[in-house]
């Protein structure tokens, strides 16, 4: 399923602590994107949308792991 990222970003702009991540290969090919926000209690970060590019790339099959690793790293540095 292809998400409408333009509308999703508009919806999330109101959340200053949102998590947005785009994954690029060699700054030329968008391989994946994700967006989420902290839970209401602020102790956790939820991922609401994750999508990999439908076009095959060297990062195909790795997007979910990369997004989760990025979320984990942000959580460790931001929500201490």
N, C-alpha and C. Protein backbone atom coordinates (compact mmCIF):
# COMPACT_ATOMS: atom_id res chain seq x y z
N UNK A 1 0.84 -1.17 0.00
CA UNK A 1 0.00 0.00 0.00
C UNK A 1 0.89 1.24 0.00
N UNK A 2 0.61 2.15 -0.86
CA UNK A 2 1.39 3.40 -0.93
C UNK A 2 0.69 4.47 -0.07
N UNK A 3 1.43 5.02 0.87
CA UNK A 3 0.89 6.07 1.73
C UNK A 3 0.99 7.41 1.02
N UNK A 4 0.08 8.30 1.33
CA UNK A 4 0.08 9.67 0.80
C UNK A 4 0.94 10.52 1.74
N UNK A 5 2.25 10.51 1.50
CA UNK A 5 3.19 11.13 2.43
C UNK A 5 2.98 12.63 2.57
N UNK A 6 2.53 13.29 1.53
CA UNK A 6 2.30 14.74 1.63
C UNK A 6 1.21 15.04 2.66
N UNK A 7 0.12 14.31 2.63
CA UNK A 7 -0.95 14.51 3.62
C UNK A 7 -0.53 14.04 5.01
N UNK A 8 0.22 12.97 5.08
CA UNK A 8 0.70 12.49 6.38
C UNK A 8 1.58 13.54 7.04
N UNK A 9 2.51 14.12 6.28
CA UNK A 9 3.39 15.15 6.85
C UNK A 9 2.59 16.36 7.32
N UNK A 10 1.58 16.77 6.57
CA UNK A 10 0.74 17.90 6.99
C UNK A 10 0.06 17.60 8.32
N UNK A 11 -0.42 16.38 8.47
CA UNK A 11 -1.11 15.96 9.69
C UNK A 11 -0.16 15.99 10.90
N UNK A 12 1.09 15.61 10.69
CA UNK A 12 2.05 15.49 11.79
C UNK A 12 2.81 16.78 12.09
N UNK A 13 2.70 17.80 11.25
CA UNK A 13 3.43 19.06 11.49
C UNK A 13 3.06 19.68 12.83
N UNK A 14 1.87 19.42 13.32
CA UNK A 14 1.43 19.99 14.60
C UNK A 14 2.13 19.35 15.80
N UNK A 15 2.84 18.27 15.58
CA UNK A 15 3.52 17.56 16.66
C UNK A 15 5.01 17.91 16.64
N UNK A 16 5.44 18.82 17.53
CA UNK A 16 6.84 19.26 17.49
C UNK A 16 7.85 18.17 17.81
N UNK A 17 7.45 17.13 18.51
CA UNK A 17 8.38 16.05 18.87
C UNK A 17 8.23 14.84 17.95
N UNK A 18 7.71 15.07 16.77
CA UNK A 18 7.49 13.95 15.85
C UNK A 18 8.82 13.34 15.41
N UNK A 19 8.73 12.12 14.96
CA UNK A 19 9.88 11.39 14.44
C UNK A 19 9.66 11.22 12.94
N UNK A 20 10.55 11.78 12.14
CA UNK A 20 10.50 11.61 10.68
C UNK A 20 11.86 11.07 10.24
N UNK A 21 11.82 10.06 9.41
CA UNK A 21 13.07 9.48 8.92
C UNK A 21 12.90 9.09 7.45
N UNK A 22 13.80 9.58 6.63
CA UNK A 22 13.85 9.11 5.24
C UNK A 22 15.21 8.45 5.05
N UNK A 23 15.21 7.38 4.32
CA UNK A 23 16.43 6.60 4.10
C UNK A 23 16.77 6.69 2.61
N UNK A 24 17.95 7.22 2.35
CA UNK A 24 18.41 7.43 0.98
C UNK A 24 19.62 6.56 0.71
N UNK A 25 19.78 6.16 -0.53
CA UNK A 25 20.97 5.44 -0.96
C UNK A 25 21.79 6.39 -1.83
N UNK A 26 22.99 6.69 -1.36
CA UNK A 26 23.92 7.59 -2.05
C UNK A 26 23.29 8.93 -2.42
N UNK A 27 22.40 9.42 -1.57
CA UNK A 27 21.74 10.71 -1.76
C UNK A 27 21.03 10.84 -3.09
N UNK A 28 20.72 9.72 -3.72
CA UNK A 28 20.06 9.76 -5.03
C UNK A 28 18.75 9.00 -5.08
N UNK A 29 18.62 7.98 -4.29
CA UNK A 29 17.46 7.11 -4.38
C UNK A 29 16.78 7.00 -3.01
N UNK A 30 15.53 7.46 -2.92
CA UNK A 30 14.78 7.34 -1.69
C UNK A 30 14.35 5.88 -1.52
N UNK A 31 14.83 5.25 -0.47
CA UNK A 31 14.57 3.83 -0.26
C UNK A 31 13.47 3.56 0.76
N UNK A 32 13.22 4.51 1.66
CA UNK A 32 12.19 4.30 2.67
C UNK A 32 11.89 5.57 3.43
N UNK A 33 10.73 5.57 4.09
CA UNK A 33 10.33 6.72 4.89
C UNK A 33 9.48 6.23 6.06
N UNK A 34 9.51 7.00 7.14
CA UNK A 34 8.69 6.66 8.31
C UNK A 34 8.36 7.93 9.07
N UNK A 35 7.29 7.84 9.86
CA UNK A 35 6.90 8.96 10.71
C UNK A 35 6.17 8.41 11.93
N UNK A 36 6.33 9.09 13.04
CA UNK A 36 5.68 8.69 14.28
C UNK A 36 5.76 9.82 15.28
N UNK A 37 5.36 9.54 16.50
CA UNK A 37 5.40 10.56 17.55
C UNK A 37 5.46 9.87 18.91
N UNK A 38 5.84 10.64 19.94
CA UNK A 38 5.88 10.05 21.28
C UNK A 38 4.48 9.64 21.74
N UNK A 39 4.41 8.65 22.60
CA UNK A 39 3.13 8.30 23.21
C UNK A 39 2.69 9.45 24.10
N UNK A 40 1.44 9.43 24.50
CA UNK A 40 0.92 10.53 25.32
C UNK A 40 1.66 10.68 26.63
N UNK A 41 2.13 9.59 27.19
CA UNK A 41 2.91 9.66 28.42
C UNK A 41 4.33 10.16 28.19
N UNK A 42 4.76 10.14 26.93
CA UNK A 42 6.09 10.64 26.59
C UNK A 42 7.23 9.67 26.81
N UNK A 43 6.96 8.48 27.29
CA UNK A 43 8.03 7.55 27.59
C UNK A 43 8.43 6.65 26.43
N UNK A 44 7.61 6.63 25.40
CA UNK A 44 7.89 5.75 24.27
C UNK A 44 7.65 6.50 22.97
N UNK A 45 8.25 5.99 21.92
CA UNK A 45 8.08 6.57 20.60
C UNK A 45 7.39 5.53 19.73
N UNK A 46 6.25 5.89 19.20
CA UNK A 46 5.52 4.95 18.35
C UNK A 46 5.77 5.28 16.89
N UNK A 47 5.83 4.27 16.07
CA UNK A 47 5.99 4.43 14.62
C UNK A 47 4.63 4.19 13.99
N UNK A 48 4.09 5.21 13.34
CA UNK A 48 2.75 5.10 12.77
C UNK A 48 2.77 4.67 11.30
N UNK A 49 3.79 5.08 10.56
CA UNK A 49 3.88 4.73 9.15
C UNK A 49 5.32 4.39 8.79
N UNK A 50 5.50 3.29 8.09
CA UNK A 50 6.80 2.90 7.54
C UNK A 50 6.53 2.38 6.13
N UNK A 51 7.34 2.85 5.19
CA UNK A 51 7.17 2.36 3.83
C UNK A 51 8.52 2.27 3.14
N UNK A 52 8.73 1.18 2.44
CA UNK A 52 9.92 1.01 1.62
C UNK A 52 9.56 1.34 0.18
N UNK A 53 10.54 1.74 -0.57
CA UNK A 53 10.34 2.04 -1.99
C UNK A 53 9.94 0.77 -2.73
N UNK A 54 9.00 0.88 -3.66
CA UNK A 54 8.64 -0.30 -4.45
C UNK A 54 9.71 -0.65 -5.49
N UNK A 55 10.64 0.27 -5.71
CA UNK A 55 11.74 0.04 -6.66
C UNK A 55 12.86 -0.67 -5.93
N UNK A 56 13.37 -1.72 -6.49
CA UNK A 56 14.46 -2.49 -5.89
C UNK A 56 15.70 -1.62 -5.71
N UNK A 57 16.35 -1.74 -4.56
CA UNK A 57 17.57 -0.98 -4.28
C UNK A 57 18.51 -1.84 -3.44
N UNK A 58 19.75 -1.39 -3.24
CA UNK A 58 20.68 -2.14 -2.38
C UNK A 58 20.18 -2.24 -0.93
N UNK A 59 19.22 -1.40 -0.55
CA UNK A 59 18.71 -1.43 0.82
C UNK A 59 17.38 -2.18 0.94
N UNK A 60 16.91 -2.75 -0.14
CA UNK A 60 15.66 -3.50 -0.10
C UNK A 60 15.74 -4.60 0.96
N UNK A 61 14.69 -4.73 1.73
CA UNK A 61 14.64 -5.73 2.79
C UNK A 61 15.25 -5.27 4.10
N UNK A 62 15.86 -4.08 4.12
CA UNK A 62 16.52 -3.59 5.33
C UNK A 62 15.81 -2.39 5.96
N UNK A 63 14.80 -1.85 5.30
CA UNK A 63 14.20 -0.59 5.72
C UNK A 63 13.60 -0.67 7.13
N UNK A 64 12.83 -1.69 7.40
CA UNK A 64 12.21 -1.78 8.74
C UNK A 64 13.27 -1.85 9.82
N UNK A 65 14.29 -2.65 9.62
CA UNK A 65 15.37 -2.75 10.61
C UNK A 65 16.08 -1.40 10.78
N UNK A 66 16.30 -0.68 9.70
CA UNK A 66 16.98 0.61 9.77
C UNK A 66 16.11 1.64 10.50
N UNK A 67 14.82 1.64 10.25
CA UNK A 67 13.91 2.58 10.93
C UNK A 67 13.87 2.28 12.42
N UNK A 68 13.76 1.02 12.77
CA UNK A 68 13.72 0.65 14.19
C UNK A 68 15.03 1.01 14.88
N UNK A 69 16.15 0.80 14.21
CA UNK A 69 17.45 1.18 14.79
C UNK A 69 17.53 2.70 14.97
N UNK A 70 17.04 3.46 14.00
CA UNK A 70 17.03 4.92 14.13
C UNK A 70 16.14 5.38 15.26
N UNK A 71 14.98 4.76 15.39
CA UNK A 71 14.06 5.10 16.48
C UNK A 71 14.69 4.78 17.83
N UNK A 72 15.34 3.64 17.92
CA UNK A 72 15.98 3.23 19.17
C UNK A 72 17.10 4.21 19.54
N UNK A 73 17.88 4.60 18.57
CA UNK A 73 18.99 5.53 18.83
C UNK A 73 18.46 6.89 19.28
N UNK A 74 17.41 7.37 18.63
CA UNK A 74 16.81 8.65 19.03
C UNK A 74 16.24 8.56 20.43
N UNK A 75 15.55 7.48 20.71
CA UNK A 75 14.95 7.30 22.03
C UNK A 75 16.01 7.31 23.13
N UNK A 76 17.13 6.64 22.89
CA UNK A 76 18.20 6.58 23.89
C UNK A 76 18.81 7.96 24.11
N UNK A 77 18.93 8.77 23.07
CA UNK A 77 19.57 10.08 23.22
C UNK A 77 18.60 11.16 23.65
N UNK A 78 17.33 11.02 23.33
CA UNK A 78 16.37 12.10 23.60
C UNK A 78 15.52 11.86 24.84
N UNK A 79 15.03 10.64 25.03
CA UNK A 79 14.19 10.35 26.17
C UNK A 79 14.98 9.59 27.22
N UNK A 80 15.80 10.28 27.93
CA UNK A 80 16.62 9.63 28.98
C UNK A 80 15.91 9.62 30.29
